[in-house]
C-alpha atoms as a PDB file:
ATOM      1  CA  MET A   1      -9.096   4.284 -23.098  1.00  0.00           C
ATOM      2  CA  ALA A   2      -6.089   6.116 -21.474  1.00  0.00           C
ATOM      3  CA  SER A   3      -4.670   9.168 -23.256  1.00  0.00           C
ATOM      4  CA  GLU A   4      -0.939   9.633 -23.486  1.00  0.00           C
ATOM      5  CA  ASN A   5      -0.868  12.084 -20.392  1.00  0.00           C
ATOM      6  CA  GLU A   6      -3.159  10.093 -18.263  1.00  0.00           C
ATOM      7  CA  TRP A   7      -1.751   8.330 -15.201  1.00  0.00           C
ATOM      8  CA  VAL A   8      -2.964   4.892 -15.098  1.00  0.00           C
ATOM      9  CA  SER A   9      -1.829   2.424 -12.310  1.00  0.00           C
ATOM     10  CA  THR A  10      -2.710  -1.113 -11.794  1.00  0.00           C
ATOM     11  CA  SER A  11      -2.882  -2.681  -8.254  1.00  0.00           C
ATOM     12  CA  ALA A  12      -1.440  -6.048  -9.680  1.00  0.00           C
ATOM     13  CA  ASP A  13       1.977  -4.408 -10.114  1.00  0.00           C
ATOM     14  CA  TYR A  14       2.140  -3.773  -6.500  1.00  0.00           C
ATOM     15  CA  ALA A  15       1.367  -7.432  -5.659  1.00  0.00           C
ATOM     16  CA  LYS A  16       4.177  -9.120  -7.776  1.00  0.00           C
ATOM     17  CA  PRO A  17       7.587  -9.872  -6.613  1.00  0.00           C
ATOM     18  CA  ARG A  18      10.224  -7.791  -8.340  1.00  0.00           C
ATOM     19  CA  PRO A  19      13.003  -9.166 -10.347  1.00  0.00           C
ATOM     20  CA  PRO A  20      16.451  -9.244  -8.861  1.00  0.00           C
ATOM     21  CA  GLY A  21      18.001  -5.704  -8.764  1.00  0.00           C
ATOM     22  CA  ALA A  22      14.727  -3.993  -9.893  1.00  0.00           C
ATOM     23  CA  ALA A  23      13.312  -1.004  -7.972  1.00  0.00           C
ATOM     24  CA  ASP A  24      10.255  -1.216  -5.829  1.00  0.00           C
ATOM     25  CA  ALA A  25       6.829  -0.956  -7.942  1.00  0.00           C
ATOM     26  CA  TRP A  26       6.245   2.676  -7.040  1.00  0.00           C
ATOM     27  CA  THR A  27       9.510   3.944  -7.960  1.00  0.00           C
ATOM     28  CA  GLU A  28       9.326   2.058 -11.476  1.00  0.00           C
ATOM     29  CA  GLU A  29       5.820   3.425 -12.008  1.00  0.00           C
ATOM     30  CA  ALA A  30       6.753   6.980 -11.007  1.00  0.00           C
ATOM     31  CA  ASN A  31       9.781   6.727 -13.417  1.00  0.00           C
ATOM     32  CA  ARG A  32       7.530   5.726 -16.328  1.00  0.00           C
ATOM     33  CA  GLN A  33       5.645   8.948 -15.676  1.00  0.00           C
ATOM     34  CA  SER A  34       8.870  10.956 -15.353  1.00  0.00           C
ATOM     35  CA  VAL A  35       8.630  11.956 -11.782  1.00  0.00           C
ATOM     36  CA  LYS A  36      10.937  10.981  -9.053  1.00  0.00           C
ATOM     37  CA  GLY A  37       9.041   8.479  -6.834  1.00  0.00           C
ATOM     38  CA  SER A  38      10.330   7.847  -3.275  1.00  0.00           C
ATOM     39  CA  GLN A  39       9.157   6.908   0.198  1.00  0.00           C
ATOM     40  CA  ALA A  40       9.783   7.608   3.637  1.00  0.00           C
ATOM     41  CA  LEU A  41       9.316   5.133   6.425  1.00  0.00           C
ATOM     42  CA  ALA A  42       7.218   6.691   9.078  1.00  0.00           C
ATOM     43  CA  ARG A  43       6.813   3.767  11.589  1.00  0.00           C
ATOM     44  CA  THR A  44       7.349   0.093  11.874  1.00  0.00           C
ATOM     45  CA  GLY A  45       6.624  -2.641  14.550  1.00  0.00           C
ATOM     46  CA  LYS A  46       3.665  -3.947  16.254  1.00  0.00           C
ATOM     47  CA  ALA A  47       0.422  -2.015  16.249  1.00  0.00           C
ATOM     48  CA  VAL A  48      -3.450  -2.646  16.815  1.00  0.00           C
ATOM     49  CA  PRO A  49      -4.687  -2.414  13.088  1.00  0.00           C
ATOM     50  CA  PRO A  50      -7.907  -0.633  11.948  1.00  0.00           C
ATOM     51  CA  SER A  51     -10.874  -2.923  12.526  1.00  0.00           C
ATOM     52  CA  VAL A  52     -11.220  -3.727   8.851  1.00  0.00           C
ATOM     53  CA  VAL A  53      -7.560  -5.258   9.052  1.00  0.00           C
ATOM     54  CA  ALA A  54      -8.068  -6.952  12.236  1.00  0.00           C
ATOM     55  CA  HIS A  55     -11.213  -8.526  11.039  1.00  0.00           C
ATOM     56  CA  ALA A  56      -9.537  -9.843   7.793  1.00  0.00           C
ATOM     57  CA  PHE A  57      -6.666 -11.176   9.937  1.00  0.00           C
ATOM     58  CA  GLY A  58      -8.811 -12.861  12.286  1.00  0.00           C
ATOM     59  CA  LEU A  59      -7.629 -10.867  15.291  1.00  0.00           C
ATOM     60  CA  LYS A  60      -9.310 -10.386  18.554  1.00  0.00           C
ATOM     61  CA  THR A  61      -9.968  -6.745  20.071  1.00  0.00           C
ATOM     62  CA  GLY A  62      -6.429  -5.451  21.127  1.00  0.00           C
ATOM     63  CA  GLU A  63      -4.382  -7.952  19.134  1.00  0.00           C
ATOM     64  CA  THR A  64      -1.597  -6.583  17.155  1.00  0.00           C
ATOM     65  CA  ALA A  65      -0.228  -6.999  13.699  1.00  0.00           C
ATOM     66  CA  VAL A  66       3.145  -5.910  12.132  1.00  0.00           C
ATOM     67  CA  VAL A  67       2.856  -2.438  10.497  1.00  0.00           C
ATOM     68  CA  ARG A  68       5.058  -0.516   7.989  1.00  0.00           C
ATOM     69  CA  GLY A  69       3.739   3.006   7.758  1.00  0.00           C
ATOM     70  CA  ARG A  70       5.058   5.064   4.860  1.00  0.00           C
ATOM     71  CA  VAL A  71       4.815   8.692   3.232  1.00  0.00           C
ATOM     72  CA  ILE A  72       4.846   8.357  -0.508  1.00  0.00           C
ATOM     73  CA  TYR A  73       6.207  11.317  -2.587  1.00  0.00           C
ATOM     74  CA  ALA A  74       6.502  12.256  -6.184  1.00  0.00           C
ATOM     75  CA  ASP A  75       9.063  14.919  -6.920  1.00  0.00           C
ATOM     76  CA  GLU A  76       9.349  15.715  -3.264  1.00  0.00           C
ATOM     77  CA  THR A  77       5.681  16.243  -2.901  1.00  0.00           C
ATOM     78  CA  PRO A  78       3.692  13.863  -0.419  1.00  0.00           C
ATOM     79  CA  VAL A  79       1.019  12.078  -2.435  1.00  0.00           C
ATOM     80  CA  GLU A  80      -0.140   9.183  -0.299  1.00  0.00           C
ATOM     81  CA  LEU A  81       0.159   7.810   3.291  1.00  0.00           C
ATOM     82  CA  ALA A  82       0.396   4.070   3.258  1.00  0.00           C
ATOM     83  CA  ASP A  83       0.209   1.619   5.991  1.00  0.00           C
ATOM     84  CA  THR A  84       0.801  -1.896   5.489  1.00  0.00           C
ATOM     85  CA  TYR A  85      -0.035  -4.506   7.872  1.00  0.00           C
ATOM     86  CA  TYR A  86       1.323  -8.063   7.985  1.00  0.00           C
ATOM     87  CA  PRO A  87       0.012 -11.078  10.188  1.00  0.00           C
ATOM     88  CA  ARG A  88       2.668 -11.319  13.161  1.00  0.00           C
ATOM     89  CA  GLU A  89       3.310 -15.018  12.368  1.00  0.00           C
ATOM     90  CA  ILE A  90       4.416 -13.944   8.900  1.00  0.00           C
ATOM     91  CA  ALA A  91       6.355 -10.778   9.746  1.00  0.00           C
ATOM     92  CA  GLU A  92       7.886 -11.069  13.206  1.00  0.00           C
ATOM     93  CA  GLY A  93      11.643 -11.879  13.062  1.00  0.00           C
ATOM     94  CA  THR A  94      11.668 -10.612   9.517  1.00  0.00           C
ATOM     95  CA  PRO A  95      13.014  -7.406   7.954  1.00  0.00           C
ATOM     96  CA  LEU A  96       9.262  -6.564   7.514  1.00  0.00           C
ATOM     97  CA  ALA A  97       9.248  -5.666  11.335  1.00  0.00           C
ATOM     98  CA  GLU A  98      12.437  -3.624  11.168  1.00  0.00           C
ATOM     99  CA  PRO A  99      12.735   0.124  10.745  1.00  0.00           C
ATOM    100  CA  ARG A 100      14.639  -0.117   7.274  1.00  0.00           C
ATOM    101  CA  LYS A 101      13.879  -0.179   3.544  1.00  0.00           C
ATOM    102  CA  ILE A 102      13.580  -3.626   2.011  1.00  0.00           C
ATOM    103  CA  LYS A 103      15.460  -4.132  -1.170  1.00  0.00           C
ATOM    104  CA  GLY A 104      12.920  -5.015  -4.065  1.00  0.00           C
ATOM    105  CA  GLY A 105      10.119  -4.141  -1.823  1.00  0.00           C
ATOM    106  CA  ALA A 106       8.018  -5.965   0.864  1.00  0.00           C
ATOM    107  CA  VAL A 107       6.148  -8.179  -1.771  1.00  0.00           C
ATOM    108  CA  THR A 108       9.461  -9.551  -2.955  1.00  0.00           C
ATOM    109  CA  LEU A 109      10.600 -10.381   0.637  1.00  0.00           C
ATOM    110  CA  LEU A 110       7.150 -12.018   1.237  1.00  0.00           C
ATOM    111  CA  ALA A 111       7.511 -14.303  -1.929  1.00  0.00           C
ATOM    112  CA  GLU A 112      10.992 -15.118  -0.780  1.00  0.00           C
ATOM    113  CA  LEU A 113       9.367 -16.249   2.577  1.00  0.00           C
ATOM    114  CA  GLY A 114       6.846 -18.314   0.603  1.00  0.00           C
ATOM    115  CA  HIS A 115       3.867 -15.896   0.789  1.00  0.00           C
ATOM    116  CA  ILE A 116       2.949 -15.149  -2.706  1.00  0.00           C
ATOM    117  CA  THR A 117      -0.253 -13.132  -3.621  1.00  0.00           C
ATOM    118  CA  ASP A 118      -2.903 -14.927  -5.573  1.00  0.00           C
ATOM    119  CA  ARG A 119      -5.746 -12.397  -5.325  1.00  0.00           C
ATOM    120  CA  ILE A 120      -6.508  -8.964  -4.098  1.00  0.00           C
ATOM    121  CA  ILE A 121      -9.649  -7.425  -2.770  1.00  0.00           C
ATOM    122  CA  GLU A 122      -9.808  -3.737  -2.905  1.00  0.00           C
ATOM    123  CA  ASP A 123     -12.428  -1.460  -1.319  1.00  0.00           C
ATOM    124  CA  VAL A 124     -12.292   2.320  -2.181  1.00  0.00           C
ATOM    125  CA  THR A 125     -14.146   5.279  -0.413  1.00  0.00           C
ATOM    126  CA  ALA A 126     -13.740   8.888  -0.222  1.00  0.00           C
ATOM    127  CA  ARG A 127     -14.107  11.244   2.486  1.00  0.00           C
ATOM    128  CA  PRO A 128     -12.806  14.614   3.873  1.00  0.00           C
ATOM    129  CA  ALA A 129      -9.171  14.454   5.093  1.00  0.00           C
ATOM    130  CA  SER A 130      -8.457  14.530   8.727  1.00  0.00           C
ATOM    131  CA  GLU A 131      -6.438  17.349  10.275  1.00  0.00           C
ATOM    132  CA  SER A 132      -3.422  15.014  10.424  1.00  0.00           C
ATOM    133  CA  GLU A 133      -3.819  13.819   6.948  1.00  0.00           C
ATOM    134  CA  GLN A 134      -4.424  17.633   5.700  1.00  0.00           C
ATOM    135  CA  GLN A 135      -0.833  18.366   7.401  1.00  0.00           C
ATOM    136  CA  GLN A 136       0.912  15.315   6.203  1.00  0.00           C
ATOM    137  CA  LEU A 137      -0.406  15.406   2.575  1.00  0.00           C
ATOM    138  CA  GLN A 138      -0.273  19.431   2.258  1.00  0.00           C
ATOM    139  CA  LEU A 139      -4.108  19.642   1.621  1.00  0.00           C
ATOM    140  CA  ALA A 140      -6.483  22.458   1.949  1.00  0.00           C
ATOM    141  CA  ALA A 141      -9.091  22.370   4.775  1.00  0.00           C
ATOM    142  CA  HIS A 142     -12.025  20.185   3.851  1.00  0.00           C
ATOM    143  CA  GLU A 143     -10.193  18.613   0.680  1.00  0.00           C
ATOM    144  CA  PRO A 144     -11.334  15.057   0.115  1.00  0.00           C
ATOM    145  CA  VAL A 145      -9.237  12.051   0.063  1.00  0.00           C
ATOM    146  CA  VAL A 146      -9.442   8.630  -1.580  1.00  0.00           C
ATOM    147  CA  VAL A 147      -9.050   5.765   0.931  1.00  0.00           C
ATOM    148  CA  ILE A 148      -8.122   2.367  -0.653  1.00  0.00           C
ATOM    149  CA  GLU A 149      -8.138  -0.860   1.540  1.00  0.00           C
ATOM    150  CA  ARG A 150      -6.303  -3.675  -0.235  1.00  0.00           C
ATOM    151  CA  LEU A 151      -6.236  -7.301   1.114  1.00  0.00           C
ATOM    152  CA  SER A 152      -3.832  -9.640  -0.480  1.00  0.00           C
ATOM    153  CA  LEU A 153      -4.571 -13.307  -0.130  1.00  0.00           C
ATOM    154  CA  ASP A 154      -2.415 -16.373  -1.051  1.00  0.00           C
ATOM    155  CA  GLU A 155      -3.478 -19.352  -2.969  1.00  0.00           C
ATOM    156  CA  SER A 156      -5.103 -20.847  -0.168  1.00  0.00           C
ATOM    157  CA  GLY A 157      -7.274 -17.594   0.710  1.00  0.00           C
ATOM    158  CA  ARG A 158      -4.985 -16.631   3.817  1.00  0.00           C
ATOM    159  CA  PRO A 159      -4.461 -12.891   4.010  1.00  0.00           C
ATOM    160  CA  VAL A 160      -0.734 -12.100   3.870  1.00  0.00           C
ATOM    161  CA  GLN A 161      -0.926  -8.306   3.663  1.00  0.00           C
ATOM    162  CA  ALA A 162      -3.278  -5.680   4.076  1.00  0.00           C
ATOM    163  CA  ASP A 163      -2.834  -2.070   2.982  1.00  0.00           C
ATOM    164  CA  VAL A 164      -4.716   1.349   4.006  1.00  0.00           C
ATOM    165  CA  MET A 165      -3.743   3.963   1.525  1.00  0.00           C
ATOM    166  CA  VAL A 166      -4.797   7.625   1.680  1.00  0.00           C
ATOM    167  CA  ALA A 167      -4.436   9.851  -1.090  1.00  0.00           C
ATOM    168  CA  PRO A 168      -5.698  13.515  -2.199  1.00  0.00           C
ATOM    169  CA  ALA A 169      -8.743  12.682  -4.392  1.00  0.00           C
ATOM    170  CA  ARG A 170      -7.547  15.229  -6.992  1.00  0.00           C
ATOM    171  CA  LEU A 171      -4.529  13.107  -7.541  1.00  0.00           C
ATOM    172  CA  ARG A 172      -6.327   9.831  -8.100  1.00  0.00           C
ATOM    173  CA  ARG A 173      -8.101   8.329 -10.979  1.00  0.00           C
ATOM    174  CA  LEU A 174      -9.161   4.755 -10.246  1.00  0.00           C
ATOM    175  CA  ARG A 175      -9.736   2.709 -13.374  1.00  0.00           C
ATOM    176  CA  TYR A 176     -11.034  -0.999 -13.250  1.00  0.00           C
ATOM    177  CA  GLU A 177     -10.966  -2.952 -16.435  1.00  0.00           C
ATOM    178  CA  MET A 178     -12.570  -6.183 -16.622  1.00  0.00           C
ATOM    179  CA  LYS A 179     -12.932  -8.933 -19.343  1.00  0.00           C
ATOM    180  CA  VAL A 180     -16.574 -10.048 -19.856  1.00  0.00           C
ATOM    181  CA  SER A 181     -16.808 -13.524 -21.201  1.00  0.00           C
END
């Protein structure tokens, strides 16, 4: 059971389209926790994704997907590096491939384009941060990070989005709650 001061987040909130005029899911969650949540777009465009994403999308070696890379902040402090990948046939020619913010977030735009997440698969691992991650996240040498790989699938089982998120382990608590029977 979560205490009053514990930050408990649910992945499902990040997969649901936002109501008209609503902030993105991170901004809203941060506001609930009394911090200012923001994000900076670090890169957009075509890129060869990590092998886990390429495999999920059915890409051959060297094939590209559309990526939106962001640095996520809480009160001006970087708390996560998030790369989100989309199949090119979904994202090319849409704001997902453009270097600008998307009002209501990318999930809302995906829904408007007819791609609604029905199921999420997450893999979570921990490891020491790379030198680049140490710099971007302002970490001490050898500080561990949590890596969350999230695959979002539509009702037919087709991948519509893949996220690779890296965050300081000291800032994350992962909680999974399941109903049995």
